[in-house]
C-alpha cells in the first residue's frame, strides 16, 4: 500500500506510489467489484434470481403458467382453464379442461343449452321447453302438454287427437272435420263424403228451394244461387247469382237449411238459428220488418234448435225439447198460437205439445 520510510528519531513519512496504488485499487475494485458483481448477477439474472423474481419463464417449466403461487397448465387445469382464475363449473355433471376450453359432461336430465361451456349443464331437460334435450319444446295448440321423463305427453281437447303419433306437436288432428280421422284417429270417410261434427256425411246434406236455391255441404259450408232481390242469398248484396256462391258469414257451420219464397234460414252446428232476406212480415225473426242481406241470429230461440222449415212468408223451428216455434205472416193463423191476422216478428210457441 505504501512504503514506510524514516529514521530512529521517530520521523515517519508515508508516500504513495500512484502506479502501484492505482493498480492495487483497481485490483481491489476488481476484487470487490467482482464479488459484488457476482452477487448482483446471481440476484437479478442468474439462475437463483429466476426462481424468486420471475425471471425467464416466470420460474415455471415450459408449458406452465404462474397462477398465484403455483405453476399450472392452463390447457388442462379446470380451475385455471385457458387463463388464470378462469374456472370451469358444472353443478349438474362433471367437467374437464381440454386445450384451454371447458368441456362439460352432463348428468341425465340436464343439458348445456346456452352454449356456454364454462357454466356447464345449466338447463333441466325434463321440462316442456326442453323436453329430452335442448330446444325441444312440447307444443299442443289443441290441448295441454307435459314433459314426462324427457318425453312430451299431450292431453287433447275434445274434438282433437294425436293422430300422427308425434307427441311433440300435440293433438294436431281435428276429429270433427278431418275426413281421415272423423270422430277419432284412423276413422276415414268414404270417397265424396265429408266429416261434419265427427260424422261422415254425404257431400250435400240438405237442400231448399224457393225463388232461389241453397244447399249445405257435409263440411258445414252453405252455398246459394238464383234470385237475390231481397238479399236472400246471404252474400251481402242484391245481385242475382247464376252459379252457387258461398255464404261465408256462417263460417262453414250450417247443418240444416230452409228456403222460403225470398228468405232463407240455416241452423248452425252450435244449435243457433240464422235467417236473412225478405222480412216484410217478420219472417226473419229478429223483431223487425227490415230486409237483411246477411244472416242475423234468431236470438229468441237460443242454442237448442234442431230443425227449421220455411213457408212462403213465415218460418218455424223445432227445439231440442220438442217444442215448435213459428213467426212471420199470420193472416191465416199459420204460426199456430191460436191467433190470426197479426204477424209475429219474434218466435211464438205453437200450441202443439209432445205426448
Protein backbone atom coordinates (compact mmCIF):
# COMPACT_ATOMS: atom_id res chain seq x y z
CA UNK A 1 0.00 0.00 0.00
CA UNK A 2 2.63 2.48 0.97
CA UNK A 3 6.37 2.41 1.94
CA UNK A 4 7.17 3.43 5.48
CA UNK A 5 10.45 5.45 5.49
CA UNK A 6 12.16 7.22 8.37
CA UNK A 7 14.93 7.19 10.98
CA UNK A 8 15.29 6.22 14.54
CA UNK A 9 14.48 9.75 15.55
CA UNK A 10 10.82 8.87 15.03
CA UNK A 11 10.20 10.82 11.97
CA UNK A 12 7.67 8.97 9.90
CA UNK A 13 6.92 9.60 6.30
CA UNK A 14 4.29 7.93 4.19
CA UNK A 15 4.38 8.05 0.45
CA UNK A 16 2.05 6.52 -2.14
CA UNK A 17 3.07 5.30 -5.49
CA UNK A 18 0.26 6.02 -7.81
CA UNK A 19 1.02 3.28 -10.22
CA UNK A 20 1.01 0.73 -7.51
CA UNK A 21 -1.84 2.37 -5.62
CA UNK A 22 -4.00 2.63 -8.69
CA UNK A 23 -3.15 -0.78 -9.67
CA UNK A 24 -3.87 -2.01 -6.24
CA UNK A 25 -7.05 -0.07 -6.13
CA UNK A 26 -8.02 -1.43 -9.46
CA UNK A 27 -7.20 -4.87 -8.34
CA UNK A 28 -9.08 -4.31 -5.13
CA UNK A 29 -12.03 -2.80 -7.00
CA UNK A 30 -11.93 -5.66 -9.35
CA UNK A 31 -11.82 -7.99 -6.44
CA UNK A 32 -14.66 -6.34 -4.58
CA UNK A 33 -16.50 -5.44 -7.69
CA UNK A 34 -16.12 -8.97 -8.91
CA UNK A 35 -17.60 -10.33 -5.75
CA UNK A 36 -20.32 -7.74 -5.76
CA UNK A 37 -20.90 -8.29 -9.43
CA UNK A 38 -21.18 -11.96 -8.87
CA UNK A 39 -23.69 -11.40 -6.14
CA UNK A 40 -25.58 -8.91 -8.23
CA UNK A 41 -25.62 -11.21 -11.23
CA UNK A 42 -26.88 -14.03 -9.09
CA UNK A 43 -29.74 -11.89 -7.69
CA UNK A 44 -31.04 -10.26 -10.90
CA UNK A 45 -30.48 -12.50 -13.80
CA UNK A 46 -28.83 -15.66 -12.66
CA UNK A 47 -30.36 -18.97 -12.00
CA UNK A 48 -31.09 -18.11 -8.36
CA UNK A 49 -32.80 -14.84 -9.32
CA UNK A 50 -35.16 -16.59 -11.78
CA UNK A 51 -36.77 -18.59 -9.02
CA UNK A 52 -37.56 -15.63 -6.79
CA UNK A 53 -38.39 -12.75 -9.08
CA UNK A 54 -39.94 -14.49 -12.03
CA UNK A 55 -37.12 -14.33 -14.42
CA UNK A 56 -37.11 -16.30 -17.66
CA UNK A 57 -40.37 -18.42 -17.93
CA UNK A 58 -41.59 -16.85 -14.64
CA UNK A 59 -39.93 -19.60 -12.73
CA UNK A 60 -42.27 -22.23 -14.31
CA UNK A 61 -41.38 -25.03 -16.66
CA UNK A 62 -42.19 -24.70 -20.35
CA UNK A 63 -45.96 -25.01 -20.98
CA UNK A 64 -46.91 -23.93 -17.47
CA UNK A 65 -48.15 -20.56 -16.25
CA UNK A 66 -47.69 -18.99 -12.85
CA UNK A 67 -51.15 -18.51 -11.32
CA UNK A 68 -50.74 -17.03 -7.85
CA UNK A 69 -48.02 -19.10 -6.25
CA UNK A 70 -48.47 -22.22 -8.36
CA UNK A 71 -47.36 -23.23 -11.81
CA UNK A 72 -50.34 -24.70 -13.70
CA UNK A 73 -51.15 -26.00 -17.16
CA UNK A 74 -53.95 -23.70 -18.33
CA UNK A 75 -54.66 -26.13 -21.15
CA UNK A 76 -55.95 -28.75 -18.70
CA UNK A 77 -56.46 -27.20 -15.24
CA UNK A 78 -60.23 -26.83 -14.54
CA UNK A 79 -59.59 -24.05 -12.02
CA UNK A 80 -57.50 -22.06 -14.49
CA UNK A 81 -58.79 -23.15 -17.89
CA UNK A 82 -57.35 -21.03 -20.67
CA UNK A 83 -56.19 -18.38 -18.21
CA UNK A 84 -55.51 -17.89 -14.51
CA UNK A 85 -58.61 -17.81 -12.29
CA UNK A 86 -60.89 -18.90 -15.15
CA UNK A 87 -62.59 -21.88 -13.56
CA UNK A 88 -64.90 -24.43 -15.21
CA UNK A 89 -68.09 -25.05 -13.23
CA UNK A 90 -70.78 -27.68 -13.72
CA UNK A 91 -73.25 -28.22 -10.88
CA UNK A 92 -75.17 -30.78 -12.97
CA UNK A 93 -72.37 -33.01 -14.17
CA UNK A 94 -68.61 -33.23 -14.49
CA UNK A 95 -66.19 -31.06 -16.41
CA UNK A 96 -62.73 -31.12 -17.93
CA UNK A 97 -60.42 -28.51 -19.42
CA UNK A 98 -59.33 -29.52 -22.91
CA UNK A 99 -56.97 -27.26 -24.84
CA UNK A 100 -57.83 -24.36 -22.56
CA UNK A 101 -61.58 -24.76 -23.12
CA UNK A 102 -64.09 -26.09 -20.59
CA UNK A 103 -65.68 -29.37 -21.71
CA UNK A 104 -68.72 -30.34 -19.60
CA UNK A 105 -70.32 -33.77 -19.36
CA UNK A 106 -73.98 -33.53 -18.33
CA UNK A 107 -75.85 -35.67 -15.84
CA UNK A 108 -79.01 -37.31 -17.18
CA UNK A 109 -81.80 -34.75 -17.38
CA UNK A 110 -79.56 -31.74 -17.95
CA UNK A 111 -78.00 -30.06 -20.96
CA UNK A 112 -75.65 -27.25 -21.93
CA UNK A 113 -78.38 -25.35 -23.76
CA UNK A 114 -76.94 -21.85 -23.63
CA UNK A 115 -73.77 -23.00 -25.40
CA UNK A 116 -71.59 -21.60 -22.60
CA UNK A 117 -69.23 -24.42 -21.63
CA UNK A 118 -67.88 -22.51 -18.65
CA UNK A 119 -71.14 -22.77 -16.65
CA UNK A 120 -71.70 -26.41 -17.53
CA UNK A 121 -75.10 -28.07 -17.90
CA UNK A 122 -77.39 -25.31 -16.73
CA UNK A 123 -80.70 -26.47 -18.26
CA UNK A 124 -83.19 -29.01 -16.93
CA UNK A 125 -84.17 -31.10 -19.97
CA UNK A 126 -87.17 -32.65 -18.25
CA UNK A 127 -89.34 -29.56 -18.72
CA UNK A 128 -91.79 -28.80 -21.52
CA UNK A 129 -89.48 -26.14 -23.02
CA UNK A 130 -86.51 -28.52 -23.35
CA UNK A 131 -88.09 -31.95 -23.16
CA UNK A 132 -85.47 -34.65 -23.65
CA UNK A 133 -82.89 -32.21 -24.99
CA UNK A 134 -82.05 -28.59 -25.70
CA UNK A 135 -84.58 -26.61 -27.78
CA UNK A 136 -87.07 -29.48 -27.94
CA UNK A 137 -90.27 -27.83 -26.73
CA UNK A 138 -93.56 -29.66 -26.35
CA UNK A 139 -96.30 -27.86 -28.27
CA UNK A 140 -100.02 -28.52 -28.22
CA UNK A 141 -102.31 -25.79 -29.58
CA UNK A 142 -105.32 -28.06 -29.12
CA UNK A 143 -104.86 -29.16 -25.55
CA UNK A 144 -102.30 -29.27 -22.76
CA UNK A 145 -98.93 -30.99 -22.54
CA UNK A 146 -96.37 -32.16 -20.00
CA UNK A 147 -92.81 -33.45 -20.17
CA UNK A 148 -92.65 -36.87 -18.53
CA UNK A 149 -89.23 -38.48 -18.29
CA UNK A 150 -87.96 -36.37 -21.18
CA UNK A 151 -90.89 -37.29 -23.45
CA UNK A 152 -93.76 -34.97 -24.39
CA UNK A 153 -97.13 -36.23 -23.17
CA UNK A 154 -100.10 -34.35 -24.72
CA UNK A 155 -103.70 -34.25 -23.47
CA UNK A 156 -106.17 -33.42 -26.24
CA UNK A 157 -109.14 -31.07 -26.11
CA UNK A 158 -112.47 -32.54 -27.17
CA UNK A 159 -112.63 -32.84 -30.95
CA UNK A 160 -108.88 -33.26 -31.43
CA UNK A 161 -106.49 -36.20 -31.46
CA UNK A 162 -102.78 -37.01 -31.65
CA UNK A 163 -103.30 -38.96 -34.83
CA UNK A 164 -99.79 -38.76 -36.29
CA UNK A 165 -98.28 -40.29 -33.14
CA UNK A 166 -95.86 -37.38 -32.77
CA UNK A 167 -96.14 -36.26 -29.16
CA UNK A 168 -94.02 -33.18 -29.77
CA UNK A 169 -96.65 -31.45 -31.93
CA UNK A 170 -99.55 -32.39 -29.68
CA UNK A 171 -103.09 -33.01 -30.87
CA UNK A 172 -102.80 -31.96 -34.49
CA UNK A 173 -105.91 -33.60 -35.96
CA UNK A 174 -109.39 -32.08 -35.83
CA UNK A 175 -111.58 -35.15 -35.44
CA UNK A 176 -114.73 -33.11 -36.07
CA UNK A 177 -113.75 -32.12 -39.62
CA UNK A 178 -110.92 -34.40 -40.76
CA UNK A 179 -112.11 -36.91 -43.38
CA UNK A 180 -109.14 -39.12 -42.43
CA UNK A 181 -109.83 -39.01 -38.70
CA UNK A 182 -113.58 -38.43 -38.49
CA UNK A 183 -114.77 -38.87 -34.91
CA UNK A 184 -111.42 -40.39 -33.92
CA UNK A 185 -107.94 -41.18 -35.19
CA UNK A 186 -107.87 -43.55 -38.15
CA UNK A 187 -111.60 -43.34 -38.98
CA UNK A 188 -111.78 -42.34 -42.65
CA UNK A 189 -114.82 -41.19 -44.58
CA UNK A 190 -115.65 -42.78 -47.92
CA UNK A 191 -114.96 -41.06 -51.21
CA UNK A 192 -117.15 -37.94 -51.70
CA UNK A 193 -118.09 -37.95 -48.03
CA UNK A 194 -117.22 -35.10 -45.70
CA UNK A 195 -116.67 -35.11 -41.95
CA UNK A 196 -119.22 -32.96 -40.13
CA UNK A 197 -119.07 -32.78 -36.32
CA UNK A 198 -117.21 -36.08 -36.25
CA UNK A 199 -119.68 -37.90 -38.50
CA UNK A 200 -119.12 -38.84 -42.14
CA UNK A 201 -121.81 -37.19 -44.24
CA UNK A 202 -122.65 -37.14 -47.96
CA UNK A 203 -121.15 -34.21 -49.79
CA UNK A 204 -124.52 -32.42 -49.79
CA UNK A 205 -126.63 -32.97 -46.71
CA UNK A 206 -129.55 -30.55 -47.05
CA UNK A 207 -131.33 -28.62 -49.81
CA UNK A 208 -134.01 -25.95 -50.11
CA UNK A 209 -135.60 -24.05 -52.99
CA UNK A 210 -137.86 -21.02 -53.48
CA UNK A 211 -137.14 -18.20 -55.90
CA UNK A 212 -133.57 -19.21 -55.12
CA UNK A 213 -131.80 -22.42 -54.10
CA UNK A 214 -129.45 -23.29 -51.23
CA UNK A 215 -127.53 -26.42 -50.29
CA UNK A 216 -125.37 -27.34 -47.30
CA UNK A 217 -122.27 -29.48 -47.72
CA UNK A 218 -121.05 -32.08 -45.28
CA UNK A 219 -118.33 -29.75 -44.04
CA UNK A 220 -120.90 -27.14 -42.99
CA UNK A 221 -120.45 -24.82 -45.97
CA UNK A 222 -123.65 -23.24 -47.31
CA UNK A 223 -124.00 -22.33 -50.98
CA UNK A 224 -126.88 -20.38 -52.56
CA UNK A 225 -127.82 -19.18 -56.06
CA UNK A 226 -130.69 -17.69 -58.05
CA UNK A 227 -132.79 -14.61 -57.25
CA UNK A 228 -131.28 -12.16 -54.77
CA UNK A 229 -133.75 -9.26 -54.95
CA UNK A 230 -134.09 -9.05 -51.15
CA UNK A 231 -130.62 -10.33 -50.25
CA UNK A 232 -131.90 -13.89 -49.78
CA UNK A 233 -128.61 -15.40 -50.96
CA UNK A 234 -126.90 -14.03 -47.84
CA UNK A 235 -123.78 -12.71 -49.58
CA UNK A 236 -124.34 -9.09 -48.52
CA UNK A 237 -125.58 -8.00 -51.97
CA UNK A 238 -128.80 -7.96 -54.02
CA UNK A 239 -127.13 -9.32 -57.15
CA UNK A 240 -128.66 -12.44 -58.70
CA UNK A 241 -126.22 -15.34 -58.93
CA UNK A 242 -126.22 -17.77 -61.83
CA UNK A 243 -123.82 -20.13 -60.08
CA UNK A 244 -123.61 -21.10 -56.38
CA UNK A 245 -121.98 -18.58 -54.09
CA UNK A 246 -120.55 -19.37 -50.66
CA UNK A 247 -122.40 -17.86 -47.68
CA UNK A 248 -119.17 -17.07 -45.85
CA UNK A 249 -120.86 -15.30 -42.93
CA UNK A 250 -121.88 -18.64 -41.45
CA UNK A 251 -118.24 -19.75 -41.17
CA UNK A 252 -118.88 -23.22 -42.64
CA UNK A 253 -121.06 -24.35 -39.75
CA UNK A 254 -124.50 -24.74 -41.40
CA UNK A 255 -126.09 -28.11 -40.71
CA UNK A 256 -129.64 -27.51 -42.00
CA UNK A 257 -131.16 -25.01 -44.44
CA UNK A 258 -134.73 -23.88 -45.14
CA UNK A 259 -135.75 -21.68 -48.08
CA UNK A 260 -138.96 -19.58 -48.22
CA UNK A 261 -140.16 -17.55 -51.15
CA UNK A 262 -137.48 -14.88 -50.72
CA UNK A 263 -135.95 -15.54 -47.32
CA UNK A 264 -133.53 -18.18 -46.05
CA UNK A 265 -132.76 -19.75 -42.66
CA UNK A 266 -129.95 -22.07 -41.57
CA UNK A 267 -129.22 -23.96 -38.36
CA UNK A 268 -125.60 -23.93 -37.30
CA UNK A 269 -123.76 -26.74 -35.57
CA UNK A 270 -123.90 -24.88 -32.26
CA UNK A 271 -127.71 -25.04 -32.23
CA UNK A 272 -128.30 -21.40 -33.19
CA UNK A 273 -130.64 -20.36 -36.00
CA UNK A 274 -129.85 -17.63 -38.53
CA UNK A 275 -132.16 -16.04 -41.14
CA UNK A 276 -131.91 -13.37 -43.86
CA UNK A 277 -133.60 -11.90 -46.94
CA UNK A 278 -137.19 -10.64 -47.31
CA UNK A 279 -138.62 -9.56 -43.95
CA UNK A 280 -141.79 -7.62 -44.73
CA UNK A 281 -143.84 -9.90 -42.46
CA UNK A 282 -141.20 -10.56 -39.81
CA UNK A 283 -140.26 -13.94 -41.27
CA UNK A 284 -136.57 -13.39 -40.44
CA UNK A 285 -137.48 -13.45 -36.73
CA UNK A 286 -135.26 -10.66 -35.44
CA UNK A 287 -138.09 -8.42 -34.20
CA UNK A 288 -138.13 -6.07 -37.21
CA UNK A 289 -139.61 -5.82 -40.68
CA UNK A 290 -136.36 -4.69 -42.28
CA UNK A 291 -134.90 -6.81 -45.09
CA UNK A 292 -131.41 -8.11 -44.37
CA UNK A 293 -128.76 -9.13 -46.91
CA UNK A 294 -126.64 -11.08 -44.43
CA UNK A 295 -127.52 -13.73 -41.81
CA UNK A 296 -128.86 -12.48 -38.44
CA UNK A 297 -129.42 -14.71 -35.42
CA UNK A 298 -132.92 -15.58 -34.23
CA UNK A 299 -131.82 -14.96 -30.65
CA UNK A 300 -135.17 -15.80 -29.07
CA UNK A 301 -134.61 -19.49 -29.82
CA UNK A 302 -131.24 -19.68 -28.04
CA UNK A 303 -128.86 -22.54 -28.83
CA UNK A 304 -131.08 -25.62 -28.90
CA UNK A 305 -132.62 -25.50 -32.39
CA UNK A 306 -132.79 -28.94 -34.01
CA UNK A 307 -134.66 -28.30 -37.25
CA UNK A 308 -136.10 -25.46 -39.33
CA UNK A 309 -138.76 -25.07 -42.05
CA UNK A 310 -139.71 -22.03 -44.12
CA UNK A 311 -143.06 -21.18 -45.73
CA UNK A 312 -143.95 -18.52 -48.22
CA UNK A 313 -143.78 -15.70 -45.68
CA UNK A 314 -143.32 -17.39 -42.30
CA UNK A 315 -140.82 -19.70 -40.59
CA UNK A 316 -140.90 -22.43 -37.92
CA UNK A 317 -138.19 -24.07 -35.81
CA UNK A 318 -138.06 -27.15 -33.58
CA UNK A 319 -136.06 -27.05 -30.36
CA UNK A 320 -134.32 -29.91 -28.58
CA UNK A 321 -137.12 -30.18 -26.02
CA UNK A 322 -139.57 -30.98 -28.82
CA UNK A 323 -141.36 -27.64 -28.76
CA UNK A 324 -142.32 -25.86 -32.02
CA UNK A 325 -141.91 -22.14 -32.54
CA UNK A 326 -143.14 -20.05 -35.50
CA UNK A 327 -143.01 -16.42 -36.65
CA UNK A 328 -143.80 -14.19 -39.65
CA UNK A 329 -147.05 -13.75 -41.58
CA UNK A 330 -150.12 -14.92 -39.67
CA UNK A 331 -153.03 -13.91 -41.89
CA UNK A 332 -154.38 -17.44 -41.80
CA UNK A 333 -153.10 -18.43 -38.35
CA UNK A 334 -150.04 -20.16 -39.74
CA UNK A 335 -147.88 -19.50 -36.65
CA UNK A 336 -150.13 -21.83 -34.63
CA UNK A 337 -150.51 -19.83 -31.43
CA UNK A 338 -154.30 -19.51 -31.70
CA UNK A 339 -154.25 -16.02 -33.17
CA UNK A 340 -154.96 -14.74 -36.68
CA UNK A 341 -154.24 -11.62 -38.65
CA UNK A 342 -151.36 -10.33 -36.51
CA UNK A 343 -147.93 -11.00 -37.94
CA UNK A 344 -145.33 -12.23 -35.45
CA UNK A 345 -141.94 -10.53 -35.60
CA UNK A 346 -140.49 -12.91 -32.99
CA UNK A 347 -140.98 -16.66 -32.42
CA UNK A 348 -144.10 -17.76 -30.58
CA UNK A 349 -144.75 -21.24 -29.31
CA UNK A 350 -147.16 -23.30 -31.39
CA UNK A 351 -149.97 -24.90 -29.41
CA UNK A 352 -148.84 -28.43 -30.12
CA UNK A 353 -147.24 -30.45 -27.36
CA UNK A 354 -145.42 -33.75 -27.45
CA UNK A 355 -147.14 -36.65 -25.59
